[in-house]
Amino acid sequence: MNIVLVEPEIPQNTGNIVRTCAGCNARLHLIRPLGFSTDDKYLKRAGLDYWHFVDINYYDSFEELVEKATSENNGVKPNFYYGTTKGKKRYSDITYTNDDYLVFGKETKGLPESLLAENYDHCIRIPMREEFRSLNLSNAVAIVIFEAMRQLGFPDMETEGALRDYDM
């Protein structure tokens, strides 16, 4: 699974998303410009010690990412799903594959409407109250990726836990 952040602005959100990607074994793709330095202490703190678990890729444009993803997929463009409050499809109505790209925009503006209009059939939304503007970016990413992971059977993820101090 692939998570794409287009021009993220808040280091703590990106750090939290790094941690989520680590837990799901997802690749993270960051589209510049970033609203922070990747050396930012808040970014590192939010991601804790999980950075080495995540394959992080940087691009100067969204088109560059699409080109690389298509090339890696034998010339076939993989599915890109665009998280937006402007979408008509629910994120839970999509049938995901492990090669999909889940795309999210910057915290203050979301994804550019021109990108959404060009890909409107692949725009997905998280249902919420009508008068509610949006969820926190890292929460939205977590909701969508865990639905995708659920559909895929939680690949390479531990699905059972155990108590440390009790034999159950």
N, C-alpha and C. Protein backbone atom coordinates (compact mmCIF):
# COMPACT_ATOMS: atom_id res chain seq x y z
N MET A 1 0.86 -1.17 0.00
CA MET A 1 0.00 0.00 0.00
C MET A 1 0.90 1.23 0.00
N ASN A 2 0.41 2.27 -0.61
CA ASN A 2 1.16 3.52 -0.75
C ASN A 2 0.34 4.69 -0.24
N ILE A 3 0.97 5.52 0.58
CA ILE A 3 0.35 6.75 1.06
C ILE A 3 1.08 7.91 0.41
N VAL A 4 0.31 8.86 -0.14
CA VAL A 4 0.89 10.03 -0.79
C VAL A 4 0.41 11.28 -0.05
N LEU A 5 1.35 12.13 0.34
CA LEU A 5 1.01 13.42 0.93
C LEU A 5 1.48 14.50 -0.02
N VAL A 6 0.53 15.30 -0.51
CA VAL A 6 0.84 16.38 -1.43
C VAL A 6 1.04 17.67 -0.63
N GLU A 7 2.26 18.15 -0.62
CA GLU A 7 2.63 19.40 0.05
C GLU A 7 2.16 19.48 1.50
N PRO A 8 2.52 18.48 2.32
CA PRO A 8 2.11 18.53 3.72
C PRO A 8 2.74 19.73 4.42
N GLU A 9 2.01 20.26 5.41
CA GLU A 9 2.44 21.50 6.07
C GLU A 9 2.81 21.33 7.54
N ILE A 10 2.23 20.36 8.21
CA ILE A 10 2.37 20.25 9.66
C ILE A 10 3.24 19.04 9.99
N PRO A 11 4.41 19.28 10.59
CA PRO A 11 5.34 18.17 10.83
C PRO A 11 4.79 17.08 11.73
N GLN A 12 4.00 17.43 12.73
CA GLN A 12 3.46 16.42 13.63
C GLN A 12 2.53 15.45 12.88
N ASN A 13 1.72 15.97 11.97
CA ASN A 13 0.84 15.09 11.19
C ASN A 13 1.67 14.13 10.34
N THR A 14 2.70 14.64 9.69
CA THR A 14 3.53 13.77 8.86
C THR A 14 4.24 12.74 9.72
N GLY A 15 4.72 13.14 10.88
CA GLY A 15 5.34 12.19 11.80
C GLY A 15 4.38 11.09 12.23
N ASN A 16 3.14 11.47 12.53
CA ASN A 16 2.12 10.47 12.88
C ASN A 16 1.84 9.54 11.72
N ILE A 17 1.82 10.09 10.51
CA ILE A 17 1.58 9.27 9.32
C ILE A 17 2.75 8.32 9.08
N VAL A 18 3.98 8.77 9.35
CA VAL A 18 5.13 7.87 9.27
C VAL A 18 4.92 6.68 10.19
N ARG A 19 4.48 6.96 11.40
CA ARG A 19 4.25 5.88 12.37
C ARG A 19 3.15 4.93 11.88
N THR A 20 2.09 5.47 11.32
CA THR A 20 1.02 4.62 10.77
C THR A 20 1.54 3.78 9.61
N CYS A 21 2.31 4.40 8.72
CA CYS A 21 2.89 3.65 7.59
C CYS A 21 3.79 2.53 8.10
N ALA A 22 4.57 2.78 9.14
CA ALA A 22 5.44 1.76 9.71
C ALA A 22 4.62 0.58 10.21
N GLY A 23 3.53 0.87 10.91
CA GLY A 23 2.68 -0.19 11.45
C GLY A 23 1.96 -1.00 10.40
N CYS A 24 1.75 -0.40 9.23
CA CYS A 24 1.02 -1.08 8.14
C CYS A 24 1.93 -1.56 7.03
N ASN A 25 3.23 -1.31 7.16
CA ASN A 25 4.19 -1.65 6.11
C ASN A 25 3.84 -0.95 4.79
N ALA A 26 3.46 0.31 4.89
CA ALA A 26 3.09 1.09 3.70
C ALA A 26 4.24 2.00 3.29
N ARG A 27 4.36 2.24 2.02
CA ARG A 27 5.34 3.20 1.50
C ARG A 27 4.75 4.60 1.61
N LEU A 28 5.61 5.58 1.89
CA LEU A 28 5.17 6.96 2.00
C LEU A 28 5.82 7.77 0.89
N HIS A 29 5.00 8.54 0.19
CA HIS A 29 5.47 9.40 -0.90
C HIS A 29 5.13 10.84 -0.54
N LEU A 30 6.15 11.68 -0.47
CA LEU A 30 5.96 13.09 -0.12
C LEU A 30 6.21 13.95 -1.34
N ILE A 31 5.24 14.80 -1.67
CA ILE A 31 5.34 15.71 -2.81
C ILE A 31 5.75 17.09 -2.28
N ARG A 32 6.84 17.60 -2.79
CA ARG A 32 7.33 18.93 -2.40
C ARG A 32 6.49 20.03 -3.04
N PRO A 33 6.49 21.22 -2.44
CA PRO A 33 7.28 21.62 -1.28
C PRO A 33 6.65 21.14 0.01
N LEU A 34 7.51 20.83 0.98
CA LEU A 34 7.06 20.46 2.32
C LEU A 34 7.03 21.72 3.16
N GLY A 35 6.11 21.81 4.07
CA GLY A 35 5.98 22.98 4.93
C GLY A 35 6.89 22.92 6.15
N PHE A 36 7.92 22.06 6.09
CA PHE A 36 8.82 21.85 7.22
C PHE A 36 10.06 21.15 6.71
N SER A 37 11.07 21.09 7.55
CA SER A 37 12.27 20.34 7.25
C SER A 37 12.09 18.91 7.75
N THR A 38 12.61 17.94 7.03
CA THR A 38 12.51 16.56 7.50
C THR A 38 13.40 16.32 8.70
N ASP A 39 14.19 17.31 9.07
CA ASP A 39 14.99 17.23 10.29
C ASP A 39 14.24 17.84 11.48
N ASP A 40 13.03 18.34 11.24
CA ASP A 40 12.25 19.01 12.26
C ASP A 40 12.06 18.10 13.49
N LYS A 41 12.31 18.63 14.68
CA LYS A 41 12.22 17.83 15.91
C LYS A 41 10.80 17.33 16.17
N TYR A 42 9.78 18.11 15.77
CA TYR A 42 8.41 17.67 15.98
C TYR A 42 8.06 16.51 15.06
N LEU A 43 8.58 16.55 13.86
CA LEU A 43 8.38 15.46 12.90
C LEU A 43 9.00 14.18 13.44
N LYS A 44 10.23 14.27 13.88
CA LYS A 44 10.94 13.11 14.40
C LYS A 44 10.26 12.57 15.66
N ARG A 45 9.85 13.47 16.56
CA ARG A 45 9.22 13.05 17.80
C ARG A 45 7.91 12.32 17.52
N ALA A 46 7.10 12.84 16.61
CA ALA A 46 5.81 12.21 16.30
C ALA A 46 6.00 10.84 15.68
N GLY A 47 7.05 10.67 14.87
CA GLY A 47 7.33 9.37 14.26
C GLY A 47 8.10 8.44 15.16
N LEU A 48 8.53 8.97 16.31
CA LEU A 48 9.31 8.23 17.30
C LEU A 48 10.46 7.50 16.63
N ASP A 49 10.60 6.24 16.94
CA ASP A 49 11.75 5.50 16.39
C ASP A 49 11.33 4.56 15.26
N TYR A 50 10.35 4.97 14.49
CA TYR A 50 9.82 4.10 13.43
C TYR A 50 10.32 4.46 12.03
N TRP A 51 11.13 5.50 11.91
CA TRP A 51 11.54 5.98 10.60
C TRP A 51 12.21 4.90 9.77
N HIS A 52 13.02 4.05 10.40
CA HIS A 52 13.75 3.03 9.64
C HIS A 52 12.84 1.93 9.09
N PHE A 53 11.59 1.88 9.52
CA PHE A 53 10.65 0.88 9.02
C PHE A 53 9.93 1.33 7.75
N VAL A 54 10.08 2.60 7.38
CA VAL A 54 9.26 3.15 6.30
C VAL A 54 10.12 3.51 5.09
N ASP A 55 9.63 3.08 3.93
CA ASP A 55 10.23 3.45 2.65
C ASP A 55 9.63 4.81 2.28
N ILE A 56 10.42 5.89 2.45
CA ILE A 56 9.94 7.24 2.18
C ILE A 56 10.58 7.74 0.89
N ASN A 57 9.73 8.24 -0.02
CA ASN A 57 10.17 8.73 -1.32
C ASN A 57 9.74 10.17 -1.48
N TYR A 58 10.60 10.98 -2.09
CA TYR A 58 10.34 12.41 -2.28
C TYR A 58 10.23 12.72 -3.76
N TYR A 59 9.30 13.61 -4.11
CA TYR A 59 9.08 14.00 -5.51
C TYR A 59 8.91 15.51 -5.59
N ASP A 60 9.26 16.05 -6.74
CA ASP A 60 9.09 17.49 -6.95
C ASP A 60 7.72 17.82 -7.53
N SER A 61 6.97 16.80 -7.97
CA SER A 61 5.63 17.03 -8.49
C SER A 61 4.82 15.74 -8.39
N PHE A 62 3.52 15.89 -8.41
CA PHE A 62 2.64 14.72 -8.40
C PHE A 62 2.82 13.93 -9.69
N GLU A 63 3.02 14.63 -10.80
CA GLU A 63 3.21 13.98 -12.10
C GLU A 63 4.44 13.08 -12.08
N GLU A 64 5.48 13.51 -11.40
CA GLU A 64 6.70 12.70 -11.27
C GLU A 64 6.39 11.38 -10.57
N LEU A 65 5.59 11.44 -9.51
CA LEU A 65 5.20 10.22 -8.80
C LEU A 65 4.39 9.30 -9.70
N VAL A 66 3.40 9.84 -10.41
CA VAL A 66 2.56 9.02 -11.28
C VAL A 66 3.41 8.33 -12.35
N GLU A 67 4.36 9.07 -12.90
CA GLU A 67 5.26 8.51 -13.92
C GLU A 67 6.06 7.34 -13.35
N LYS A 68 6.63 7.53 -12.16
CA LYS A 68 7.44 6.47 -11.54
C LYS A 68 6.57 5.27 -11.19
N ALA A 69 5.39 5.51 -10.62
CA ALA A 69 4.49 4.42 -10.24
C ALA A 69 4.06 3.62 -11.46
N THR A 70 3.79 4.30 -12.56
CA THR A 70 3.39 3.63 -13.80
C THR A 70 4.55 2.80 -14.35
N SER A 71 5.73 3.35 -14.32
CA SER A 71 6.91 2.64 -14.79
C SER A 71 7.16 1.38 -13.95
N GLU A 72 7.04 1.50 -12.64
CA GLU A 72 7.23 0.35 -11.74
C GLU A 72 6.15 -0.70 -11.91
N ASN A 73 5.03 -0.33 -12.50
CA ASN A 73 3.89 -1.24 -12.69
C ASN A 73 3.81 -1.70 -14.15
N ASN A 74 4.96 -1.86 -14.78
CA ASN A 74 5.05 -2.34 -16.16
C ASN A 74 4.28 -1.49 -17.15
N GLY A 75 4.30 -0.19 -16.95
CA GLY A 75 3.67 0.73 -17.88
C GLY A 75 2.18 0.92 -17.68
N VAL A 76 1.61 0.30 -16.65
CA VAL A 76 0.18 0.44 -16.37
C VAL A 76 0.03 1.32 -15.14
N LYS A 77 -0.74 2.39 -15.28
CA LYS A 77 -0.95 3.29 -14.14
C LYS A 77 -1.74 2.56 -13.06
N PRO A 78 -1.19 2.49 -11.83
CA PRO A 78 -1.94 1.86 -10.74
C PRO A 78 -3.11 2.75 -10.30
N ASN A 79 -3.95 2.22 -9.45
CA ASN A 79 -5.08 2.99 -8.93
C ASN A 79 -4.60 4.03 -7.93
N PHE A 80 -5.08 5.25 -8.11
CA PHE A 80 -4.86 6.34 -7.18
C PHE A 80 -6.23 6.73 -6.64
N TYR A 81 -6.36 6.80 -5.33
CA TYR A 81 -7.60 7.24 -4.69
C TYR A 81 -7.30 8.51 -3.92
N TYR A 82 -8.16 9.50 -4.10
CA TYR A 82 -7.92 10.85 -3.61
C TYR A 82 -8.84 11.16 -2.43
N GLY A 83 -8.26 11.28 -1.25
CA GLY A 83 -9.03 11.59 -0.06
C GLY A 83 -9.44 13.05 -0.05
N THR A 84 -10.75 13.29 0.01
CA THR A 84 -11.25 14.66 -0.04
C THR A 84 -12.66 14.72 0.54
N THR A 85 -12.98 15.85 1.14
CA THR A 85 -14.35 16.06 1.62
C THR A 85 -15.28 16.34 0.44
N LYS A 86 -14.73 16.54 -0.75
CA LYS A 86 -15.53 16.86 -1.94
C LYS A 86 -15.92 15.63 -2.75
N GLY A 87 -15.50 14.45 -2.30
CA GLY A 87 -15.80 13.22 -3.03
C GLY A 87 -17.21 12.73 -2.78
N LYS A 88 -17.72 11.92 -3.69
CA LYS A 88 -19.06 11.34 -3.55
C LYS A 88 -19.02 9.90 -3.08
N LYS A 89 -17.90 9.22 -3.29
CA LYS A 89 -17.78 7.82 -2.88
C LYS A 89 -17.20 7.74 -1.47
N ARG A 90 -17.72 6.79 -0.71
CA ARG A 90 -17.16 6.54 0.62
C ARG A 90 -15.89 5.70 0.49
N TYR A 91 -14.93 5.99 1.33
CA TYR A 91 -13.66 5.24 1.32
C TYR A 91 -13.90 3.75 1.53
N SER A 92 -14.94 3.40 2.26
CA SER A 92 -15.23 2.00 2.58
C SER A 92 -15.92 1.25 1.44
N ASP A 93 -16.31 1.96 0.38
CA ASP A 93 -16.97 1.31 -0.76
C ASP A 93 -15.99 0.90 -1.85
N ILE A 94 -14.71 1.19 -1.66
CA ILE A 94 -13.68 0.85 -2.63
C ILE A 94 -13.13 -0.53 -2.32
N THR A 95 -12.79 -1.31 -3.34
CA THR A 95 -12.08 -2.56 -3.16
C THR A 95 -10.61 -2.28 -3.46
N TYR A 96 -9.80 -2.31 -2.42
CA TYR A 96 -8.39 -1.91 -2.52
C TYR A 96 -7.50 -3.09 -2.89
N THR A 97 -6.37 -2.77 -3.51
CA THR A 97 -5.30 -3.74 -3.73
C THR A 97 -4.04 -3.21 -3.05
N ASN A 98 -3.07 -4.07 -2.85
CA ASN A 98 -1.85 -3.65 -2.17
C ASN A 98 -1.03 -2.66 -2.98
N ASP A 99 -1.29 -2.54 -4.28
CA ASP A 99 -0.53 -1.63 -5.14
C ASP A 99 -1.17 -0.25 -5.27
N ASP A 100 -2.28 -0.02 -4.59
CA ASP A 100 -2.99 1.26 -4.70
C ASP A 100 -2.22 2.39 -4.01
N TYR A 101 -2.55 3.61 -4.44
CA TYR A 101 -1.99 4.83 -3.86
C TYR A 101 -3.13 5.63 -3.25
N LEU A 102 -3.01 5.94 -1.97
CA LEU A 102 -4.00 6.74 -1.27
C LEU A 102 -3.41 8.14 -1.13
N VAL A 103 -4.05 9.11 -1.77
CA VAL A 103 -3.49 10.46 -1.92
C VAL A 103 -4.25 11.44 -1.02
N PHE A 104 -3.49 12.23 -0.27
CA PHE A 104 -4.07 13.22 0.63
C PHE A 104 -3.38 14.55 0.42
N GLY A 105 -4.12 15.64 0.61
CA GLY A 105 -3.59 16.97 0.38
C GLY A 105 -3.12 17.65 1.64
N LYS A 106 -2.73 18.90 1.45
CA LYS A 106 -2.23 19.68 2.58
C LYS A 106 -3.36 19.98 3.56
N GLU A 107 -2.96 20.19 4.79
CA GLU A 107 -3.92 20.34 5.88
C GLU A 107 -4.86 21.52 5.70
N THR A 108 -4.39 22.62 5.15
CA THR A 108 -5.20 23.84 5.08
C THR A 108 -6.11 23.90 3.85
N LYS A 109 -5.74 23.21 2.77
CA LYS A 109 -6.50 23.34 1.52
C LYS A 109 -6.95 22.03 0.91
N GLY A 110 -6.40 20.93 1.35
CA GLY A 110 -6.70 19.66 0.71
C GLY A 110 -5.97 19.56 -0.62
N LEU A 111 -6.48 18.72 -1.48
CA LEU A 111 -5.90 18.53 -2.81
C LEU A 111 -6.41 19.60 -3.77
N PRO A 112 -5.62 19.97 -4.76
CA PRO A 112 -6.09 20.95 -5.75
C PRO A 112 -7.36 20.47 -6.46
N GLU A 113 -8.31 21.36 -6.63
CA GLU A 113 -9.56 20.97 -7.29
C GLU A 113 -9.35 20.50 -8.71
N SER A 114 -8.33 21.03 -9.38
CA SER A 114 -8.05 20.57 -10.75
C SER A 114 -7.67 19.09 -10.75
N LEU A 115 -6.89 18.64 -9.77
CA LEU A 115 -6.52 17.23 -9.64
C LEU A 115 -7.75 16.39 -9.33
N LEU A 116 -8.60 16.89 -8.45
CA LEU A 116 -9.83 16.17 -8.09
C LEU A 116 -10.76 16.05 -9.29
N ALA A 117 -10.91 17.14 -10.05
CA ALA A 117 -11.79 17.12 -11.22
C ALA A 117 -11.31 16.12 -12.27
N GLU A 118 -9.99 16.04 -12.48
CA GLU A 118 -9.43 15.11 -13.45
C GLU A 118 -9.60 13.65 -13.02
N ASN A 119 -9.79 13.42 -11.72
CA ASN A 119 -9.84 12.06 -11.18
C ASN A 119 -11.07 11.83 -10.32
N TYR A 120 -12.17 12.50 -10.66
CA TYR A 120 -13.32 12.51 -9.77
C TYR A 120 -13.89 11.12 -9.47
N ASP A 121 -13.76 10.19 -10.42
CA ASP A 121 -14.24 8.82 -10.19
C ASP A 121 -13.45 8.11 -9.09
N HIS A 122 -12.28 8.63 -8.77
CA HIS A 122 -11.43 8.01 -7.74
C HIS A 122 -11.32 8.87 -6.48
N CYS A 123 -12.21 9.84 -6.34
CA CYS A 123 -12.23 10.65 -5.12
C CYS A 123 -13.04 9.93 -4.06
N ILE A 124 -12.48 9.84 -2.87
CA ILE A 124 -13.15 9.14 -1.76
C ILE A 124 -13.25 10.08 -0.56
N ARG A 125 -14.26 9.83 0.25
CA ARG A 125 -14.48 10.67 1.42
C ARG A 125 -14.79 9.81 2.63
N ILE A 126 -14.53 10.38 3.78
CA ILE A 126 -14.91 9.78 5.06
C ILE A 126 -16.20 10.47 5.48
N PRO A 127 -17.29 9.73 5.67
CA PRO A 127 -18.53 10.38 6.07
C PRO A 127 -18.38 11.09 7.42
N MET A 128 -18.98 12.26 7.52
CA MET A 128 -18.97 13.03 8.77
C MET A 128 -20.16 13.99 8.76
N ARG A 129 -20.36 14.65 9.86
CA ARG A 129 -21.47 15.60 9.96
C ARG A 129 -21.41 16.64 8.86
N GLU A 130 -22.56 17.05 8.40
CA GLU A 130 -22.65 18.01 7.29
C GLU A 130 -21.94 19.32 7.59
N GLU A 131 -22.08 19.84 8.80
CA GLU A 131 -21.49 21.14 9.12
C GLU A 131 -20.02 21.03 9.55
N PHE A 132 -19.48 19.82 9.52
CA PHE A 132 -18.10 19.59 9.94
C PHE A 132 -17.17 19.75 8.75
N ARG A 133 -16.09 20.52 8.90
CA ARG A 133 -15.20 20.84 7.78
C ARG A 133 -14.34 19.64 7.37
N SER A 134 -13.59 19.08 8.32
CA SER A 134 -12.72 17.96 7.98
C SER A 134 -12.11 17.35 9.23
N LEU A 135 -11.51 16.18 9.06
CA LEU A 135 -10.78 15.53 10.14
C LEU A 135 -9.32 15.93 10.07
N ASN A 136 -8.59 15.67 11.13
CA ASN A 136 -7.15 15.85 11.13
C ASN A 136 -6.55 14.92 10.07
N LEU A 137 -5.55 15.40 9.36
CA LEU A 137 -4.96 14.64 8.26
C LEU A 137 -4.45 13.27 8.70
N SER A 138 -3.72 13.21 9.79
CA SER A 138 -3.18 11.91 10.20
C SER A 138 -4.29 10.94 10.60
N ASN A 139 -5.38 11.45 11.16
CA ASN A 139 -6.52 10.58 11.48
C ASN A 139 -7.19 10.07 10.21
N ALA A 140 -7.35 10.95 9.23
CA ALA A 140 -7.97 10.54 7.96
C ALA A 140 -7.14 9.46 7.27
N VAL A 141 -5.83 9.64 7.24
CA VAL A 141 -4.96 8.64 6.62
C VAL A 141 -5.12 7.31 7.35
N ALA A 142 -5.12 7.33 8.68
CA ALA A 142 -5.24 6.09 9.45
C ALA A 142 -6.57 5.39 9.18
N ILE A 143 -7.65 6.13 9.12
CA ILE A 143 -8.96 5.52 8.87
C ILE A 143 -8.96 4.80 7.53
N VAL A 144 -8.48 5.45 6.49
CA VAL A 144 -8.53 4.87 5.14
C VAL A 144 -7.56 3.71 5.00
N ILE A 145 -6.34 3.85 5.48
CA ILE A 145 -5.37 2.76 5.30
C ILE A 145 -5.77 1.52 6.09
N PHE A 146 -6.35 1.70 7.26
CA PHE A 146 -6.75 0.52 8.02
C PHE A 146 -7.96 -0.18 7.39
N GLU A 147 -8.81 0.55 6.69
CA GLU A 147 -9.87 -0.11 5.92
C GLU A 147 -9.25 -0.92 4.78
N ALA A 148 -8.28 -0.34 4.10
CA ALA A 148 -7.60 -1.07 3.02
C ALA A 148 -6.90 -2.31 3.58
N MET A 149 -6.21 -2.17 4.69
CA MET A 149 -5.52 -3.31 5.30
C MET A 149 -6.51 -4.38 5.75
N ARG A 150 -7.66 -3.97 6.29
CA ARG A 150 -8.70 -4.94 6.69
C ARG A 150 -9.15 -5.75 5.49
N GLN A 151 -9.42 -5.05 4.37
CA GLN A 151 -9.86 -5.75 3.17
C GLN A 151 -8.80 -6.74 2.66
N LEU A 152 -7.54 -6.39 2.83
CA LEU A 152 -6.45 -7.22 2.35
C LEU A 152 -6.06 -8.32 3.34
N GLY A 153 -6.77 -8.39 4.47
CA GLY A 153 -6.49 -9.41 5.47
C GLY A 153 -5.33 -9.07 6.39
N PHE A 154 -5.03 -7.79 6.54
CA PHE A 154 -3.93 -7.31 7.38
C PHE A 154 -2.61 -8.03 7.04
N PRO A 155 -2.17 -7.90 5.79
CA PRO A 155 -0.96 -8.62 5.37
C PRO A 155 0.28 -8.22 6.18
N ASP A 156 1.03 -9.22 6.58
CA ASP A 156 2.27 -9.01 7.34
C ASP A 156 2.06 -8.21 8.61
N MET A 157 0.85 -8.29 9.17
CA MET A 157 0.55 -7.56 10.40
C MET A 157 0.12 -8.57 11.47
N GLU A 158 0.55 -8.32 12.67
CA GLU A 158 0.16 -9.17 13.78
C GLU A 158 -1.30 -8.89 14.10
N THR A 159 -2.12 -9.92 14.14
CA THR A 159 -3.55 -9.72 14.35
C THR A 159 -4.03 -10.16 15.73
N GLU A 160 -3.13 -10.73 16.53
CA GLU A 160 -3.50 -11.13 17.89
C GLU A 160 -2.47 -10.59 18.86
N GLY A 161 -2.93 -10.15 20.00
CA GLY A 161 -2.04 -9.66 21.04
C GLY A 161 -2.04 -10.59 22.23
N ALA A 162 -1.17 -10.31 23.19
CA ALA A 162 -1.11 -11.11 24.40
C ALA A 162 -0.73 -10.20 25.56
N LEU A 163 -1.25 -10.53 26.72
CA LEU A 163 -0.87 -9.81 27.92
C LEU A 163 0.57 -10.16 28.28
N ARG A 164 1.29 -9.22 28.83
CA ARG A 164 2.69 -9.47 29.22
C ARG A 164 2.80 -10.17 30.55
N ASP A 165 1.96 -9.78 31.49
CA ASP A 165 2.11 -10.28 32.86
C ASP A 165 1.17 -11.41 33.23
N TYR A 166 0.34 -11.84 32.29
CA TYR A 166 -0.63 -12.89 32.58
C TYR A 166 -0.64 -13.90 31.45
N ASP A 167 -0.76 -15.17 31.82
CA ASP A 167 -0.83 -16.23 30.81
C ASP A 167 -2.29 -16.50 30.51
N MET A 168 -2.75 -16.06 29.36
CA MET A 168 -4.16 -16.20 29.00
C MET A 168 -4.30 -17.03 27.75
